[in-house]
């Protein structure tokens, strides 16, 4: 499966199959959440939140690819990611794009 954030793939003629998406809502362990709250007092990177978001993006991408494969797609073009806070330590991540088949 080819994944690109452009609306084309060089050298390929594409047949559009439709929108595909994947999403997840992730949170961190309460202990890490408390640790991150304390970290805001001194500043610095919130590593556990970065890990949470990386995991969420990977899972959202995997679910998008599974939806594309179920449609018989060879690739997903024009991929975008969106995220938003659901509550204080939870975030939703969505991956979406257009499933295509090579002609």
PDB file of N, CA and C in Angstrom:
ATOM      1  N   UNK A   1       0.857  -1.177   0.000  1.00  0.00           N
ATOM      2  CA  UNK A   1       0.000   0.000   0.000  1.00  0.00           C
ATOM      3  C   UNK A   1       0.900   1.236   0.000  1.00  0.00           C
ATOM      4  N   UNK A   2       0.675   2.089  -0.970  1.00  0.00           N
ATOM      5  CA  UNK A   2       1.416   3.345  -1.066  1.00  0.00           C
ATOM      6  C   UNK A   2       0.595   4.437  -0.381  1.00  0.00           C
ATOM      7  N   UNK A   3       1.248   5.205   0.475  1.00  0.00           N
ATOM      8  CA  UNK A   3       0.599   6.298   1.198  1.00  0.00           C
ATOM      9  C   UNK A   3       1.333   7.587   0.885  1.00  0.00           C
ATOM     10  N   UNK A   4       0.604   8.583   0.352  1.00  0.00           N
ATOM     11  CA  UNK A   4       1.230   9.867   0.022  1.00  0.00           C
ATOM     12  C   UNK A   4       0.309  11.016   0.425  1.00  0.00           C
ATOM     13  N   UNK A   5       0.907  12.179   0.644  1.00  0.00           N
ATOM     14  CA  UNK A   5       0.083  13.343   0.972  1.00  0.00           C
ATOM     15  C   UNK A   5      -0.103  14.256  -0.243  1.00  0.00           C
ATOM     16  N   UNK A   6       0.235  13.765  -1.421  1.00  0.00           N
ATOM     17  CA  UNK A   6      -0.030  14.478  -2.664  1.00  0.00           C
ATOM     18  C   UNK A   6      -1.300  13.886  -3.282  1.00  0.00           C
ATOM     19  N   UNK A   7      -1.853  14.559  -4.295  1.00  0.00           N
ATOM     20  CA  UNK A   7      -3.056  14.022  -4.935  1.00  0.00           C
ATOM     21  C   UNK A   7      -2.723  13.214  -6.190  1.00  0.00           C
ATOM     22  N   UNK A   8      -1.457  12.830  -6.332  1.00  0.00           N
ATOM     23  CA  UNK A   8      -1.016  12.034  -7.472  1.00  0.00           C
ATOM     24  C   UNK A   8       0.134  11.132  -7.033  1.00  0.00           C
ATOM     25  N   UNK A   9       0.425  10.141  -7.864  1.00  0.00           N
ATOM     26  CA  UNK A   9       1.615   9.305  -7.701  1.00  0.00           C
ATOM     27  C   UNK A   9       2.309   9.314  -9.050  1.00  0.00           C
ATOM     28  N   UNK A  10       3.528   9.791  -9.093  1.00  0.00           N
ATOM     29  CA  UNK A  10       4.259   9.941 -10.351  1.00  0.00           C
ATOM     30  C   UNK A  10       4.246   8.647 -11.146  1.00  0.00           C
ATOM     31  N   UNK A  11       3.900   8.776 -12.430  1.00  0.00           N
ATOM     32  CA  UNK A  11       3.915   7.637 -13.334  1.00  0.00           C
ATOM     33  C   UNK A  11       2.713   6.712 -13.225  1.00  0.00           C
ATOM     34  N   UNK A  12       1.748   7.047 -12.411  1.00  0.00           N
ATOM     35  CA  UNK A  12       0.569   6.191 -12.231  1.00  0.00           C
ATOM     36  C   UNK A  12      -0.693   6.944 -12.625  1.00  0.00           C
ATOM     37  N   UNK A  13      -1.576   6.262 -13.329  1.00  0.00           N
ATOM     38  CA  UNK A  13      -2.903   6.793 -13.592  1.00  0.00           C
ATOM     39  C   UNK A  13      -3.820   6.205 -12.536  1.00  0.00           C
ATOM     40  N   UNK A  14      -4.602   7.060 -11.888  1.00  0.00           N
ATOM     41  CA  UNK A  14      -5.365   6.635 -10.722  1.00  0.00           C
ATOM     42  C   UNK A  14      -6.864   6.627 -10.972  1.00  0.00           C
ATOM     43  N   UNK A  15      -7.507   5.609 -10.426  1.00  0.00           N
ATOM     44  CA  UNK A  15      -8.969   5.550 -10.376  1.00  0.00           C
ATOM     45  C   UNK A  15      -9.373   5.788  -8.929  1.00  0.00           C
ATOM     46  N   UNK A  16     -10.148   6.824  -8.691  1.00  0.00           N
ATOM     47  CA  UNK A  16     -10.557   7.164  -7.330  1.00  0.00           C
ATOM     48  C   UNK A  16     -11.627   6.185  -6.845  1.00  0.00           C
ATOM     49  N   UNK A  17     -11.424   5.643  -5.649  1.00  0.00           N
ATOM     50  CA  UNK A  17     -12.391   4.719  -5.068  1.00  0.00           C
ATOM     51  C   UNK A  17     -13.252   5.378  -3.999  1.00  0.00           C
ATOM     52  N   UNK A  18     -12.706   6.358  -3.305  1.00  0.00           N
ATOM     53  CA  UNK A  18     -13.492   7.051  -2.295  1.00  0.00           C
ATOM     54  C   UNK A  18     -12.694   7.392  -1.060  1.00  0.00           C
ATOM     55  N   UNK A  19     -13.355   8.093  -0.156  1.00  0.00           N
ATOM     56  CA  UNK A  19     -12.754   8.537   1.097  1.00  0.00           C
ATOM     57  C   UNK A  19     -12.521   7.348   2.024  1.00  0.00           C
ATOM     58  N   UNK A  20     -11.363   7.333   2.664  1.00  0.00           N
ATOM     59  CA  UNK A  20     -11.077   6.358   3.713  1.00  0.00           C
ATOM     60  C   UNK A  20     -10.566   7.116   4.927  1.00  0.00           C
ATOM     61  N   UNK A  21     -10.853   6.561   6.100  1.00  0.00           N
ATOM     62  CA  UNK A  21     -10.420   7.229   7.318  1.00  0.00           C
ATOM     63  C   UNK A  21     -10.182   6.210   8.404  1.00  0.00           C
ATOM     64  N   UNK A  22      -9.412   6.633   9.373  1.00  0.00           N
ATOM     65  CA  UNK A  22      -9.164   5.838  10.565  1.00  0.00           C
ATOM     66  C   UNK A  22      -9.020   6.790  11.723  1.00  0.00           C
ATOM     67  N   UNK A  23      -9.492   6.371  12.893  1.00  0.00           N
ATOM     68  CA  UNK A  23      -9.374   7.263  14.044  1.00  0.00           C
ATOM     69  C   UNK A  23      -9.198   6.463  15.320  1.00  0.00           C
ATOM     70  N   UNK A  24      -8.749   7.158  16.341  1.00  0.00           N
ATOM     71  CA  UNK A  24      -8.613   6.578  17.662  1.00  0.00           C
ATOM     72  C   UNK A  24      -8.643   7.698  18.687  1.00  0.00           C
ATOM     73  N   UNK A  25      -8.987   7.338  19.896  1.00  0.00           N
ATOM     74  CA  UNK A  25      -8.899   8.265  21.022  1.00  0.00           C
ATOM     75  C   UNK A  25      -7.961   7.625  22.032  1.00  0.00           C
ATOM     76  N   UNK A  26      -6.926   8.359  22.406  1.00  0.00           N
ATOM     77  CA  UNK A  26      -5.894   7.837  23.298  1.00  0.00           C
ATOM     78  C   UNK A  26      -5.772   8.708  24.539  1.00  0.00           C
ATOM     79  N   UNK A  27      -5.285   8.106  25.600  1.00  0.00           N
ATOM     80  CA  UNK A  27      -5.001   8.833  26.831  1.00  0.00           C
ATOM     81  C   UNK A  27      -3.739   8.237  27.450  1.00  0.00           C
ATOM     82  N   UNK A  28      -3.205   8.913  28.443  1.00  0.00           N
ATOM     83  CA  UNK A  28      -2.037   8.401  29.156  1.00  0.00           C
ATOM     84  C   UNK A  28      -2.465   7.919  30.539  1.00  0.00           C
ATOM     85  N   UNK A  29      -1.643   7.085  31.121  1.00  0.00           N
ATOM     86  CA  UNK A  29      -1.856   6.565  32.470  1.00  0.00           C
ATOM     87  C   UNK A  29      -1.930   7.733  33.452  1.00  0.00           C
ATOM     88  N   UNK A  30      -2.777   7.619  34.458  1.00  0.00           N
ATOM     89  CA  UNK A  30      -2.964   8.686  35.443  1.00  0.00           C
ATOM     90  C   UNK A  30      -1.645   9.126  36.075  1.00  0.00           C
ATOM     91  N   UNK A  31      -0.765   8.184  36.388  1.00  0.00           N
ATOM     92  CA  UNK A  31       0.533   8.525  36.972  1.00  0.00           C
ATOM     93  C   UNK A  31       1.358   9.399  36.040  1.00  0.00           C
ATOM     94  N   UNK A  32       1.346   9.072  34.740  1.00  0.00           N
ATOM     95  CA  UNK A  32       2.078   9.887  33.766  1.00  0.00           C
ATOM     96  C   UNK A  32       1.421  11.251  33.609  1.00  0.00           C
ATOM     97  N   UNK A  33       0.111  11.283  33.707  1.00  0.00           N
ATOM     98  CA  UNK A  33      -0.601  12.556  33.593  1.00  0.00           C
ATOM     99  C   UNK A  33      -0.213  13.489  34.743  1.00  0.00           C
ATOM    100  N   UNK A  34      -0.120  12.945  35.928  1.00  0.00           N
ATOM    101  CA  UNK A  34       0.293  13.744  37.091  1.00  0.00           C
ATOM    102  C   UNK A  34       1.740  14.208  36.920  1.00  0.00           C
ATOM    103  N   UNK A  35       2.595  13.292  36.448  1.00  0.00           N
ATOM    104  CA  UNK A  35       3.992  13.656  36.191  1.00  0.00           C
ATOM    105  C   UNK A  35       4.120  14.766  35.163  1.00  0.00           C
ATOM    106  N   UNK A  36       3.300  14.704  34.120  1.00  0.00           N
ATOM    107  CA  UNK A  36       3.319  15.758  33.098  1.00  0.00           C
ATOM    108  C   UNK A  36       2.831  17.079  33.659  1.00  0.00           C
ATOM    109  N   UNK A  37       1.851  17.039  34.542  1.00  0.00           N
ATOM    110  CA  UNK A  37       1.365  18.274  35.160  1.00  0.00           C
ATOM    111  C   UNK A  37       2.487  18.929  35.965  1.00  0.00           C
ATOM    112  N   UNK A  38       3.255  18.127  36.690  1.00  0.00           N
ATOM    113  CA  UNK A  38       4.381  18.666  37.455  1.00  0.00           C
ATOM    114  C   UNK A  38       5.470  19.200  36.528  1.00  0.00           C
ATOM    115  N   UNK A  39       5.664  18.533  35.378  1.00  0.00           N
ATOM    116  CA  UNK A  39       6.683  18.949  34.413  1.00  0.00           C
ATOM    117  C   UNK A  39       6.395  20.352  33.886  1.00  0.00           C
ATOM    118  N   UNK A  40       5.124  20.739  33.834  1.00  0.00           N
ATOM    119  CA  UNK A  40       4.795  22.069  33.330  1.00  0.00           C
ATOM    120  C   UNK A  40       5.322  23.174  34.238  1.00  0.00           C
ATOM    121  N   UNK A  41       5.653  22.841  35.484  1.00  0.00           N
ATOM    122  CA  UNK A  41       6.210  23.831  36.409  1.00  0.00           C
ATOM    123  C   UNK A  41       7.639  24.213  36.041  1.00  0.00           C
ATOM    124  N   UNK A  42       8.398  23.252  35.495  1.00  0.00           N
ATOM    125  CA  UNK A  42       9.800  23.509  35.172  1.00  0.00           C
ATOM    126  C   UNK A  42      10.061  23.605  33.678  1.00  0.00           C
ATOM    127  N   UNK A  43       9.077  23.190  32.880  1.00  0.00           N
ATOM    128  CA  UNK A  43       9.231  23.246  31.432  1.00  0.00           C
ATOM    129  C   UNK A  43       9.905  22.008  30.870  1.00  0.00           C
ATOM    130  N   UNK A  44       9.834  21.865  29.581  1.00  0.00           N
ATOM    131  CA  UNK A  44      10.474  20.750  28.900  1.00  0.00           C
ATOM    132  C   UNK A  44       9.470  19.922  28.114  1.00  0.00           C
ATOM    133  N   UNK A  45       9.997  18.942  27.430  1.00  0.00           N
ATOM    134  CA  UNK A  45       9.184  18.069  26.578  1.00  0.00           C
ATOM    135  C   UNK A  45       8.363  17.097  27.413  1.00  0.00           C
ATOM    136  N   UNK A  46       7.124  16.919  27.030  1.00  0.00           N
ATOM    137  CA  UNK A  46       6.243  15.965  27.696  1.00  0.00           C
ATOM    138  C   UNK A  46       6.286  14.655  26.906  1.00  0.00           C
ATOM    139  N   UNK A  47       7.288  13.843  27.208  1.00  0.00           N
ATOM    140  CA  UNK A  47       7.615  12.655  26.419  1.00  0.00           C
ATOM    141  C   UNK A  47       6.449  11.679  26.348  1.00  0.00           C
ATOM    142  N   UNK A  48       5.765  11.431  27.454  1.00  0.00           N
ATOM    143  CA  UNK A  48       4.675  10.448  27.424  1.00  0.00           C
ATOM    144  C   UNK A  48       3.525  10.916  26.532  1.00  0.00           C
ATOM    145  N   UNK A  49       3.300  12.233  26.443  1.00  0.00           N
ATOM    146  CA  UNK A  49       2.270  12.732  25.527  1.00  0.00           C
ATOM    147  C   UNK A  49       2.725  12.574  24.076  1.00  0.00           C
ATOM    148  N   UNK A  50       4.008  12.803  23.810  1.00  0.00           N
ATOM    149  CA  UNK A  50       4.527  12.569  22.458  1.00  0.00           C
ATOM    150  C   UNK A  50       4.347  11.111  22.059  1.00  0.00           C
ATOM    151  N   UNK A  51       4.679  10.209  22.978  1.00  0.00           N
ATOM    152  CA  UNK A  51       4.518   8.775  22.702  1.00  0.00           C
ATOM    153  C   UNK A  51       3.059   8.438  22.450  1.00  0.00           C
ATOM    154  N   UNK A  52       2.156   9.014  23.252  1.00  0.00           N
ATOM    155  CA  UNK A  52       0.728   8.778  23.074  1.00  0.00           C
ATOM    156  C   UNK A  52       0.275   9.221  21.685  1.00  0.00           C
ATOM    157  N   UNK A  53       0.701  10.409  21.259  1.00  0.00           N
ATOM    158  CA  UNK A  53       0.284  10.921  19.953  1.00  0.00           C
ATOM    159  C   UNK A  53       0.890  10.115  18.811  1.00  0.00           C
ATOM    160  N   UNK A  54       2.145   9.669  18.953  1.00  0.00           N
ATOM    161  CA  UNK A  54       2.748   8.821  17.924  1.00  0.00           C
ATOM    162  C   UNK A  54       1.992   7.505  17.796  1.00  0.00           C
ATOM    163  N   UNK A  55       1.627   6.916  18.928  1.00  0.00           N
ATOM    164  CA  UNK A  55       0.848   5.676  18.921  1.00  0.00           C
ATOM    165  C   UNK A  55      -0.511   5.909  18.274  1.00  0.00           C
ATOM    166  N   UNK A  56      -1.148   7.010  18.610  1.00  0.00           N
ATOM    167  CA  UNK A  56      -2.468   7.326  18.053  1.00  0.00           C
ATOM    168  C   UNK A  56      -2.396   7.524  16.541  1.00  0.00           C
ATOM    169  N   UNK A  57      -1.384   8.247  16.052  1.00  0.00           N
ATOM    170  CA  UNK A  57      -1.244   8.450  14.604  1.00  0.00           C
ATOM    171  C   UNK A  57      -1.017   7.130  13.893  1.00  0.00           C
ATOM    172  N   UNK A  58      -0.180   6.267  14.470  1.00  0.00           N
ATOM    173  CA  UNK A  58       0.090   4.966  13.853  1.00  0.00           C
ATOM    174  C   UNK A  58      -1.180   4.118  13.785  1.00  0.00           C
ATOM    175  N   UNK A  59      -1.965   4.110  14.851  1.00  0.00           N
ATOM    176  CA  UNK A  59      -3.196   3.322  14.870  1.00  0.00           C
ATOM    177  C   UNK A  59      -4.234   3.893  13.907  1.00  0.00           C
ATOM    178  N   UNK A  60      -4.375   5.209  13.859  1.00  0.00           N
ATOM    179  CA  UNK A  60      -5.311   5.832  12.922  1.00  0.00           C
ATOM    180  C   UNK A  60      -4.907   5.522  11.479  1.00  0.00           C
ATOM    181  N   UNK A  61      -3.611   5.572  11.186  1.00  0.00           N
ATOM    182  CA  UNK A  61      -3.126   5.247   9.846  1.00  0.00           C
ATOM    183  C   UNK A  61      -3.421   3.794   9.509  1.00  0.00           C
ATOM    184  N   UNK A  62      -3.150   2.893  10.440  1.00  0.00           N
ATOM    185  CA  UNK A  62      -3.410   1.454  10.232  1.00  0.00           C
ATOM    186  C   UNK A  62      -4.882   1.215   9.919  1.00  0.00           C
ATOM    187  N   UNK A  63      -5.771   1.850  10.648  1.00  0.00           N
ATOM    188  CA  UNK A  63      -7.207   1.676  10.417  1.00  0.00           C
ATOM    189  C   UNK A  63      -7.626   2.256   9.063  1.00  0.00           C
ATOM    190  N   UNK A  64      -7.020   3.372   8.655  1.00  0.00           N
ATOM    191  CA  UNK A  64      -7.308   3.944   7.347  1.00  0.00           C
ATOM    192  C   UNK A  64      -6.861   2.987   6.243  1.00  0.00           C
ATOM    193  N   UNK A  65      -5.673   2.416   6.386  1.00  0.00           N
ATOM    194  CA  UNK A  65      -5.142   1.477   5.397  1.00  0.00           C
ATOM    195  C   UNK A  65      -6.033   0.238   5.310  1.00  0.00           C
ATOM    196  N   UNK A  66      -6.488  -0.271   6.443  1.00  0.00           N
ATOM    197  CA  UNK A  66      -7.373  -1.440   6.441  1.00  0.00           C
ATOM    198  C   UNK A  66      -8.663  -1.143   5.680  1.00  0.00           C
ATOM    199  N   UNK A  67      -9.206   0.047   5.857  1.00  0.00           N
ATOM    200  CA  UNK A  67     -10.420   0.432   5.126  1.00  0.00           C
ATOM    201  C   UNK A  67     -10.136   0.508   3.631  1.00  0.00           C
ATOM    202  N   UNK A  68      -8.974   1.052   3.258  1.00  0.00           N
ATOM    203  CA  UNK A  68      -8.594   1.147   1.844  1.00  0.00           C
ATOM    204  C   UNK A  68      -8.401  -0.248   1.244  1.00  0.00           C
ATOM    205  N   UNK A  69      -7.752  -1.136   1.975  1.00  0.00           N
ATOM    206  CA  UNK A  69      -7.538  -2.497   1.480  1.00  0.00           C
ATOM    207  C   UNK A  69      -8.868  -3.219   1.265  1.00  0.00           C
ATOM    208  N   UNK A  70      -9.825  -2.984   2.142  1.00  0.00           N
ATOM    209  CA  UNK A  70     -11.150  -3.604   2.001  1.00  0.00           C
ATOM    210  C   UNK A  70     -11.856  -3.130   0.735  1.00  0.00           C
ATOM    211  N   UNK A  71     -11.491  -1.941   0.245  1.00  0.00           N
ATOM    212  CA  UNK A  71     -12.071  -1.406  -0.995  1.00  0.00           C
ATOM    213  C   UNK A  71     -11.296  -1.868  -2.226  1.00  0.00           C
ATOM    214  N   UNK A  72     -10.180  -2.580  -2.013  1.00  0.00           N
ATOM    215  CA  UNK A  72      -9.351  -3.027  -3.128  1.00  0.00           C
ATOM    216  C   UNK A  72      -8.368  -1.980  -3.611  1.00  0.00           C
ATOM    217  N   UNK A  73      -8.026  -1.020  -2.771  1.00  0.00           N
ATOM    218  CA  UNK A  73      -7.132   0.076  -3.167  1.00  0.00           C
ATOM    219  C   UNK A  73      -5.679  -0.377  -3.261  1.00  0.00           C
ATOM    220  N   UNK A  74      -4.948   0.295  -4.127  1.00  0.00           N
ATOM    221  CA  UNK A  74      -3.500   0.107  -4.244  1.00  0.00           C
ATOM    222  C   UNK A  74      -2.744   1.170  -3.459  1.00  0.00           C
ATOM    223  N   UNK A  75      -3.417   2.286  -3.187  1.00  0.00           N
ATOM    224  CA  UNK A  75      -2.762   3.408  -2.522  1.00  0.00           C
ATOM    225  C   UNK A  75      -3.808   4.308  -1.879  1.00  0.00           C
ATOM    226  N   UNK A  76      -3.325   5.193  -1.013  1.00  0.00           N
ATOM    227  CA  UNK A  76      -4.151   6.271  -0.470  1.00  0.00           C
ATOM    228  C   UNK A  76      -3.396   7.562  -0.742  1.00  0.00           C
ATOM    229  N   UNK A  77      -4.071   8.489  -1.401  1.00  0.00           N
ATOM    230  CA  UNK A  77      -3.461   9.772  -1.747  1.00  0.00           C
ATOM    231  C   UNK A  77      -4.108  10.882  -0.930  1.00  0.00           C
ATOM    232  N   UNK A  78      -3.429  12.016  -0.916  1.00  0.00           N
ATOM    233  CA  UNK A  78      -3.933  13.220  -0.261  1.00  0.00           C
ATOM    234  C   UNK A  78      -4.251  12.972   1.223  1.00  0.00           C
ATOM    235  N   UNK A  79      -3.332  12.296   1.904  1.00  0.00           N
ATOM    236  CA  UNK A  79      -3.534  11.945   3.311  1.00  0.00           C
ATOM    237  C   UNK A  79      -3.359  13.177   4.198  1.00  0.00           C
ATOM    238  N   UNK A  80      -4.257  13.283   5.154  1.00  0.00           N
ATOM    239  CA  UNK A  80      -4.216  14.353   6.147  1.00  0.00           C
ATOM    240  C   UNK A  80      -4.430  13.755   7.530  1.00  0.00           C
ATOM    241  N   UNK A  81      -3.939  14.456   8.529  1.00  0.00           N
ATOM    242  CA  UNK A  81      -4.158  14.083   9.927  1.00  0.00           C
ATOM    243  C   UNK A  81      -4.821  15.256  10.637  1.00  0.00           C
ATOM    244  N   UNK A  82      -5.716  14.924  11.546  1.00  0.00           N
ATOM    245  CA  UNK A  82      -6.360  15.941  12.377  1.00  0.00           C
ATOM    246  C   UNK A  82      -6.378  15.412  13.800  1.00  0.00           C
ATOM    247  N   UNK A  83      -6.253  16.315  14.750  1.00  0.00           N
ATOM    248  CA  UNK A  83      -6.331  15.899  16.149  1.00  0.00           C
ATOM    249  C   UNK A  83      -7.051  16.962  16.947  1.00  0.00           C
ATOM    250  N   UNK A  84      -7.633  16.519  18.055  1.00  0.00           N
ATOM    251  CA  UNK A  84      -8.290  17.463  18.945  1.00  0.00           C
ATOM    252  C   UNK A  84      -8.364  16.850  20.333  1.00  0.00           C
ATOM    253  N   UNK A  85      -8.409  17.704  21.314  1.00  0.00           N
ATOM    254  CA  UNK A  85      -8.525  17.259  22.701  1.00  0.00           C
ATOM    255  C   UNK A  85      -9.959  16.835  22.960  1.00  0.00           C
ATOM    256  N   UNK A  86     -10.113  15.702  23.606  1.00  0.00           N
ATOM    257  CA  UNK A  86     -11.435  15.210  23.979  1.00  0.00           C
ATOM    258  C   UNK A  86     -11.726  15.597  25.425  1.00  0.00           C
ATOM    259  N   UNK A  87     -10.708  15.466  26.271  1.00  0.00           N
ATOM    260  CA  UNK A  87     -10.755  15.898  27.663  1.00  0.00           C
ATOM    261  C   UNK A  87      -9.332  16.247  28.057  1.00  0.00           C
ATOM    262  N   UNK A  88      -9.063  16.529  29.291  1.00  0.00           N
ATOM    263  CA  UNK A  88      -7.772  17.092  29.676  1.00  0.00           C
ATOM    264  C   UNK A  88      -6.571  16.240  29.257  1.00  0.00           C
ATOM    265  N   UNK A  89      -6.659  14.932  29.295  1.00  0.00           N
ATOM    266  CA  UNK A  89      -5.489  14.120  28.925  1.00  0.00           C
ATOM    267  C   UNK A  89      -5.808  13.106  27.838  1.00  0.00           C
ATOM    268  N   UNK A  90      -6.858  13.340  27.074  1.00  0.00           N
ATOM    269  CA  UNK A  90      -7.225  12.433  25.983  1.00  0.00           C
ATOM    270  C   UNK A  90      -7.308  13.211  24.684  1.00  0.00           C
ATOM    271  N   UNK A  91      -6.858  12.572  23.611  1.00  0.00           N
ATOM    272  CA  UNK A  91      -6.883  13.219  22.304  1.00  0.00           C
ATOM    273  C   UNK A  91      -7.403  12.250  21.257  1.00  0.00           C
ATOM    274  N   UNK A  92      -8.156  12.795  20.305  1.00  0.00           N
ATOM    275  CA  UNK A  92      -8.597  12.029  19.152  1.00  0.00           C
ATOM    276  C   UNK A  92      -7.658  12.360  17.997  1.00  0.00           C
ATOM    277  N   UNK A  93      -7.255  11.335  17.269  1.00  0.00           N
ATOM    278  CA  UNK A  93      -6.457  11.525  16.066  1.00  0.00           C
ATOM    279  C   UNK A  93      -7.194  10.842  14.925  1.00  0.00           C
ATOM    280  N   UNK A  94      -7.321  11.554  13.801  1.00  0.00           N
ATOM    281  CA  UNK A  94      -7.961  10.997  12.619  1.00  0.00           C
ATOM    282  C   UNK A  94      -7.004  11.108  11.442  1.00  0.00           C
ATOM    283  N   UNK A  95      -6.914  10.038  10.674  1.00  0.00           N
ATOM    284  CA  UNK A  95      -6.174  10.027   9.415  1.00  0.00           C
ATOM    285  C   UNK A  95      -7.203   9.819   8.313  1.00  0.00           C
ATOM    286  N   UNK A  96      -7.092  10.598   7.224  1.00  0.00           N
ATOM    287  CA  UNK A  96      -8.050  10.417   6.133  1.00  0.00           C
ATOM    288  C   UNK A  96      -7.393  10.759   4.807  1.00  0.00           C
ATOM    289  N   UNK A  97      -7.914  10.164   3.759  1.00  0.00           N
ATOM    290  CA  UNK A  97      -7.396  10.396   2.429  1.00  0.00           C
ATOM    291  C   UNK A  97      -8.320   9.765   1.398  1.00  0.00           C
ATOM    292  N   UNK A  98      -7.845   9.686   0.157  1.00  0.00           N
ATOM    293  CA  UNK A  98      -8.624   9.106  -0.928  1.00  0.00           C
ATOM    294  C   UNK A  98      -8.005   7.794  -1.359  1.00  0.00           C
ATOM    295  N   UNK A  99      -8.783   6.728  -1.288  1.00  0.00           N
ATOM    296  CA  UNK A  99      -8.335   5.415  -1.754  1.00  0.00           C
ATOM    297  C   UNK A  99      -8.346   5.414  -3.272  1.00  0.00           C
ATOM    298  N   UNK A 100      -7.282   4.877  -3.866  1.00  0.00           N
ATOM    299  CA  UNK A 100      -7.183   4.820  -5.336  1.00  0.00           C
ATOM    300  C   UNK A 100      -6.698   3.445  -5.766  1.00  0.00           C
ATOM    301  N   UNK A 101      -7.046   3.131  -7.010  1.00  0.00           N
ATOM    302  CA  UNK A 101      -6.576   1.906  -7.658  1.00  0.00           C
ATOM    303  C   UNK A 101      -5.795   2.337  -8.877  1.00  0.00           C
ATOM    304  N   UNK A 102      -4.726   1.609  -9.200  1.00  0.00           N
ATOM    305  CA  UNK A 102      -3.946   1.922 -10.388  1.00  0.00           C
ATOM    306  C   UNK A 102      -4.663   1.391 -11.625  1.00  0.00           C
ATOM    307  N   UNK A 103      -4.699   2.232 -12.668  1.00  0.00           N
ATOM    308  CA  UNK A 103      -5.332   1.811 -13.944  1.00  0.00           C
ATOM    309  C   UNK A 103      -4.340   1.016 -14.766  1.00  0.00           C
TER     310      UNK A 103
END
